[in-house]
N, C-alpha and C. Protein backbone atom coordinates (compact mmCIF):
# COMPACT_ATOMS: atom_id res chain seq x y z
N MET A 1 -1.54 5.54 4.61
CA MET A 1 -2.78 5.38 3.57
C MET A 1 -2.03 4.87 2.54
N ARG A 2 -3.05 4.03 1.74
CA ARG A 2 -3.00 3.61 0.54
C ARG A 2 -4.48 3.69 -0.08
N THR A 3 -3.76 3.85 -1.67
CA THR A 3 -5.47 4.15 -2.20
C THR A 3 -5.24 2.81 -3.51
N ALA A 4 -6.55 2.18 -3.38
CA ALA A 4 -6.25 1.08 -4.69
C ALA A 4 -7.45 1.93 -5.48
N GLU A 5 -6.93 1.57 -6.85
CA GLU A 5 -7.75 2.01 -8.24
C GLU A 5 -8.02 0.78 -8.69
N ILE A 6 -9.54 1.21 -8.91
CA ILE A 6 -10.51 0.09 -10.07
C ILE A 6 -11.08 0.54 -10.92
N ARG A 7 -10.67 -0.14 -12.31
CA ARG A 7 -11.60 0.09 -13.77
C ARG A 7 -12.56 -0.65 -13.64
N LEU A 8 -13.89 0.23 -14.07
CA LEU A 8 -14.98 -0.55 -14.26
C LEU A 8 -15.38 -0.14 -16.07
N SER A 9 -15.40 -0.97 -16.75
CA SER A 9 -15.94 -0.89 -17.51
C SER A 9 -17.45 -0.53 -18.03
N GLY A 10 -17.29 -0.04 -19.06
CA GLY A 10 -19.05 0.60 -19.43
C GLY A 10 -19.68 -0.60 -19.48
N ASP A 11 -19.61 -1.88 -19.90
CA ASP A 11 -20.14 -3.29 -19.53
C ASP A 11 -21.04 -3.22 -18.26
N ASP A 12 -19.97 -3.50 -17.22
CA ASP A 12 -19.74 -3.42 -15.94
C ASP A 12 -21.51 -3.13 -15.34
N ASP A 13 -22.23 -3.91 -14.27
CA ASP A 13 -23.40 -3.23 -13.91
C ASP A 13 -22.72 -2.65 -12.24
N LEU A 14 -22.59 -1.10 -12.93
CA LEU A 14 -22.15 -0.59 -11.43
C LEU A 14 -22.80 -0.93 -10.15
N VAL A 15 -24.25 -0.52 -10.41
CA VAL A 15 -24.57 -1.16 -8.81
C VAL A 15 -24.37 -2.45 -8.30
N ALA A 16 -24.10 -3.28 -8.87
CA ALA A 16 -24.03 -4.57 -8.82
C ALA A 16 -22.63 -5.24 -8.46
N ARG A 17 -21.37 -4.42 -8.68
CA ARG A 17 -20.28 -4.25 -8.69
C ARG A 17 -20.10 -3.36 -7.22
N LEU A 18 -20.85 -2.10 -6.86
CA LEU A 18 -20.47 -1.59 -6.21
C LEU A 18 -21.11 -2.41 -4.68
N THR A 19 -22.01 -3.27 -4.94
CA THR A 19 -22.62 -4.15 -3.68
C THR A 19 -21.47 -4.95 -3.42
N ASP A 20 -21.32 -5.70 -4.45
CA ASP A 20 -20.08 -6.87 -4.22
C ASP A 20 -19.00 -6.46 -3.10
N MET A 21 -18.52 -4.85 -3.56
CA MET A 21 -17.47 -4.34 -2.87
C MET A 21 -17.84 -4.15 -1.56
N ARG A 22 -18.70 -3.86 -1.71
CA ARG A 22 -19.63 -3.12 0.26
C ARG A 22 -19.98 -4.55 0.51
N VAL A 23 -20.15 -5.41 0.61
CA VAL A 23 -20.34 -6.90 0.98
C VAL A 23 -19.32 -7.41 1.49
N TRP A 24 -18.05 -7.45 0.68
CA TRP A 24 -16.93 -8.08 0.58
C TRP A 24 -16.10 -7.32 1.74
N LEU A 25 -16.02 -5.45 1.93
CA LEU A 25 -15.70 -5.07 2.86
C LEU A 25 -16.48 -5.38 3.89
N ASP A 26 -17.79 -5.32 4.44
CA ASP A 26 -18.23 -5.83 5.40
C ASP A 26 -17.72 -6.99 6.09
N GLN A 27 -18.09 -8.16 4.94
CA GLN A 27 -17.59 -9.27 5.42
C GLN A 27 -15.99 -9.14 6.39
N GLN A 28 -15.16 -8.41 5.48
CA GLN A 28 -13.78 -8.30 5.81
C GLN A 28 -13.73 -7.70 7.07
N ARG A 29 -14.53 -6.79 7.35
CA ARG A 29 -14.65 -5.62 8.68
C ARG A 29 -13.39 -4.62 8.33
N ILE A 30 -13.74 -3.94 7.22
CA ILE A 30 -12.26 -3.32 6.42
C ILE A 30 -13.68 -1.97 6.21
N GLU A 31 -13.18 -0.79 6.73
CA GLU A 31 -13.79 0.02 6.64
C GLU A 31 -12.65 1.58 5.63
N PRO A 32 -13.00 1.54 4.60
CA PRO A 32 -11.96 2.48 3.59
C PRO A 32 -12.11 3.95 4.34
N SER A 33 -11.52 4.73 3.80
CA SER A 33 -11.32 5.65 4.78
C SER A 33 -11.78 6.77 3.56
N THR A 34 -11.92 6.45 2.42
CA THR A 34 -12.52 7.38 1.18
C THR A 34 -13.01 6.52 0.14
N PHE A 35 -14.07 6.92 -0.63
CA PHE A 35 -14.71 6.07 -1.41
C PHE A 35 -14.58 6.83 -2.71
N THR A 36 -13.98 6.79 -3.79
CA THR A 36 -14.45 8.24 -4.57
C THR A 36 -14.44 7.66 -6.16
N TYR A 37 -15.27 8.35 -7.01
CA TYR A 37 -15.53 7.45 -8.31
C TYR A 37 -15.39 8.80 -9.49
N PHE A 38 -14.79 8.61 -10.74
CA PHE A 38 -14.69 9.01 -11.43
C PHE A 38 -15.24 8.83 -12.91
N HIS A 39 -15.87 9.57 -13.46
CA HIS A 39 -16.91 8.87 -14.88
C HIS A 39 -15.43 8.94 -16.13
N LEU A 40 -15.38 7.81 -16.67
CA LEU A 40 -14.58 7.59 -17.35
C LEU A 40 -15.55 7.30 -19.30
N VAL A 41 -14.62 7.47 -20.25
CA VAL A 41 -15.43 7.39 -21.42
C VAL A 41 -14.52 5.92 -21.85
N PRO A 42 -15.11 4.85 -21.85
CA PRO A 42 -16.59 4.43 -21.20
C PRO A 42 -16.15 3.85 -19.67
N GLY A 43 -16.87 4.11 -18.85
CA GLY A 43 -16.88 3.07 -17.59
C GLY A 43 -16.64 4.53 -16.12
N VAL A 44 -16.16 3.60 -15.45
CA VAL A 44 -16.01 4.69 -14.28
C VAL A 44 -14.31 3.93 -13.28
N LYS A 45 -13.91 5.24 -13.06
CA LYS A 45 -12.92 4.45 -12.21
C LYS A 45 -12.93 4.82 -10.76
N LEU A 46 -12.80 3.76 -9.72
CA LEU A 46 -12.88 4.27 -8.29
C LEU A 46 -11.92 4.41 -7.45
N ARG A 47 -11.48 4.74 -6.43
CA ARG A 47 -10.55 5.40 -6.00
C ARG A 47 -10.83 5.09 -4.29
N VAL A 48 -10.49 4.09 -3.82
CA VAL A 48 -10.78 3.50 -2.47
C VAL A 48 -9.34 3.49 -1.72
N THR A 49 -9.65 4.53 -0.47
CA THR A 49 -8.58 4.82 0.29
C THR A 49 -8.89 3.60 1.45
N PHE A 50 -7.52 3.43 2.38
CA PHE A 50 -7.69 2.64 3.16
C PHE A 50 -6.46 2.94 4.50
N GLU A 51 -6.68 2.72 5.60
CA GLU A 51 -5.61 3.29 6.73
C GLU A 51 -4.41 2.31 6.75
N PHE A 52 -4.38 1.05 5.93
CA PHE A 52 -3.62 -0.10 6.29
C PHE A 52 -3.27 -0.61 4.78
N GLU A 53 -1.83 -0.33 4.64
CA GLU A 53 -1.73 -0.72 2.72
C GLU A 53 -2.30 -2.29 2.70
N ASN A 54 -2.47 -3.02 3.65
CA ASN A 54 -2.49 -4.46 3.54
C ASN A 54 -4.22 -4.54 3.13
N GLU A 55 -4.47 -3.79 3.49
CA GLU A 55 -6.08 -4.16 3.46
C GLU A 55 -6.69 -3.11 1.99
N ALA A 56 -5.53 -2.15 1.44
CA ALA A 56 -5.84 -1.94 -0.05
C ALA A 56 -5.27 -2.66 -1.12
N VAL A 57 -4.33 -3.97 -0.61
CA VAL A 57 -3.84 -4.81 -1.69
C VAL A 57 -4.53 -5.74 -1.11
N ALA A 58 -5.70 -6.37 -0.31
CA ALA A 58 -6.60 -7.21 -0.80
C ALA A 58 -7.70 -6.96 -1.46
N PHE A 59 -8.11 -5.38 -1.36
CA PHE A 59 -9.14 -5.11 -2.25
C PHE A 59 -8.77 -4.91 -3.40
N ALA A 60 -7.49 -4.82 -3.97
CA ALA A 60 -7.36 -4.49 -5.59
C ALA A 60 -7.15 -5.93 -5.84
N ARG A 61 -6.73 -6.79 -5.12
CA ARG A 61 -6.64 -8.09 -5.53
C ARG A 61 -8.01 -8.96 -6.18
N LYS A 62 -8.89 -8.38 -4.80
CA LYS A 62 -10.02 -8.89 -5.03
C LYS A 62 -11.12 -8.53 -6.34
N PHE A 63 -11.03 -7.53 -6.68
CA PHE A 63 -11.48 -6.49 -7.73
C PHE A 63 -10.66 -6.16 -9.08
N GLY A 64 -9.50 -6.97 -9.21
CA GLY A 64 -8.74 -6.77 -9.98
C GLY A 64 -8.64 -5.00 -10.56
N GLY A 65 -7.62 -4.55 -9.45
CA GLY A 65 -7.71 -3.14 -9.55
C GLY A 65 -5.84 -3.38 -8.90
N THR A 66 -5.25 -2.26 -8.75
CA THR A 66 -3.93 -2.02 -8.58
C THR A 66 -3.82 -0.77 -7.66
N LEU A 67 -3.04 -0.49 -7.00
CA LEU A 67 -2.57 0.29 -6.22
C LEU A 67 -2.02 1.89 -6.95
N ALA A 68 -2.64 2.95 -6.85
CA ALA A 68 -2.72 4.30 -6.94
C ALA A 68 -0.98 4.54 -7.15
N HIS A 69 -0.09 3.92 -6.28
CA HIS A 69 1.40 4.76 -6.44
C HIS A 69 1.93 3.16 -7.62
N GLU A 70 1.38 2.35 -7.76
CA GLU A 70 1.90 1.51 -8.75
C GLU A 70 1.28 2.40 -10.56
N HIS A 71 0.32 3.04 -10.51
CA HIS A 71 0.01 3.87 -11.63
C HIS A 71 1.48 4.85 -12.04
N ARG A 72 1.55 5.97 -10.76
CA ARG A 72 2.88 6.41 -11.01
C ARG A 72 4.13 6.15 -10.99
N LYS A 73 4.25 4.50 -10.54
CA LYS A 73 5.80 3.93 -10.95
C LYS A 73 5.42 4.16 -12.83
N ALA A 74 4.13 3.36 -13.11
CA ALA A 74 4.44 2.94 -14.39
C ALA A 74 4.30 3.97 -15.06
N ALA A 75 3.41 5.37 -15.12
CA ALA A 75 3.78 6.55 -15.43
C ALA A 75 5.20 7.25 -15.27
N GLN A 76 5.88 7.36 -14.78
CA GLN A 76 7.12 7.37 -14.39
C GLN A 76 8.38 6.72 -15.36
N SER A 77 8.17 5.59 -15.05
CA SER A 77 8.70 4.77 -16.25
C SER A 77 8.51 4.99 -17.63
N GLN A 78 7.33 5.18 -18.11
CA GLN A 78 7.16 6.03 -19.47
C GLN A 78 7.71 7.39 -19.81
N ILE A 79 7.50 8.02 -18.99
CA ILE A 79 8.20 9.23 -18.62
C ILE A 79 9.93 9.58 -19.14
N VAL A 80 10.51 8.31 -18.16
CA VAL A 80 11.89 7.99 -18.69
C VAL A 80 12.25 7.54 -19.40
N SER A 81 11.21 6.17 -19.85
CA SER A 81 11.85 5.39 -21.31
C SER A 81 11.49 6.68 -22.43
N ALA A 82 10.92 7.70 -22.08
CA ALA A 82 10.26 8.60 -23.39
C ALA A 82 11.48 9.28 -23.61
N GLU A 83 11.91 9.77 -22.41
CA GLU A 83 13.14 10.92 -22.27
C GLU A 83 14.38 10.35 -22.90
N ALA A 84 14.77 8.75 -22.92
CA ALA A 84 15.76 8.09 -23.25
C ALA A 84 15.71 8.31 -24.78
N GLN A 85 14.42 7.72 -25.23
CA GLN A 85 13.81 7.72 -26.48
C GLN A 85 14.34 9.20 -27.49
N LEU A 86 13.84 10.25 -26.73
CA LEU A 86 14.07 11.90 -27.22
C LEU A 86 16.18 11.98 -27.57
N THR A 87 16.30 11.52 -26.07
CA THR A 87 17.92 12.16 -26.00
C THR A 87 18.78 10.68 -27.56
N GLN A 88 18.22 9.87 -27.58
CA GLN A 88 18.75 9.10 -28.49
C GLN A 88 18.58 10.11 -30.05
N VAL A 89 17.34 10.47 -30.08
CA VAL A 89 16.79 10.93 -31.46
C VAL A 89 17.21 12.24 -31.57
N HIS A 90 17.31 12.93 -30.85
CA HIS A 90 18.21 14.05 -30.41
C HIS A 90 19.69 13.73 -30.87
N GLY A 91 20.37 13.22 -30.29
CA GLY A 91 22.06 12.70 -30.48
C GLY A 91 22.20 12.55 -31.96
N ARG A 92 21.22 11.59 -32.56
CA ARG A 92 21.66 10.88 -34.04
C ARG A 92 21.30 12.34 -34.86
N VAL A 93 20.18 13.13 -34.77
CA VAL A 93 20.13 14.67 -35.11
C VAL A 93 21.51 15.27 -35.28
N ALA A 94 21.83 15.85 -33.99
CA ALA A 94 23.16 15.96 -33.67
C ALA A 94 23.93 15.56 -34.76
N ASN A 95 24.58 14.57 -34.47
CA ASN A 95 25.39 13.76 -35.10
C ASN A 95 25.51 13.94 -36.92
N ILE A 96 23.97 13.64 -37.30
CA ILE A 96 23.95 13.87 -38.99
C ILE A 96 24.55 15.60 -38.93
N SER A 97 24.29 16.07 -38.35
CA SER A 97 24.12 17.74 -38.79
C SER A 97 25.68 18.13 -38.50
N LEU A 98 26.28 17.20 -37.93
CA LEU A 98 27.74 17.68 -37.60
C LEU A 98 28.51 17.42 -38.99
N HIS A 99 27.71 16.35 -39.48
CA HIS A 99 28.59 15.57 -40.93
C HIS A 99 28.71 16.38 -42.29
């Protein structure tokens, strides 16, 4: 199973966007496994899970979203980058205090 995430801004017409998504899903004959949403400030995040990856990819592309695992990869990359920066900073501090 794959999950697509779509962020809608506070300016979006939620009902119209959800209707567009439902119409597209019906036209493609795709039935999501789960369809959940989370209120954000501002806006809404939709998480739509599909049985097949190609369905999640098509949905994400159509509605300007991403696959949920892409978010995890980006977050992991940011963590690794931050850890590397901290290591460099700590190394500099250690070098400075040794002198």
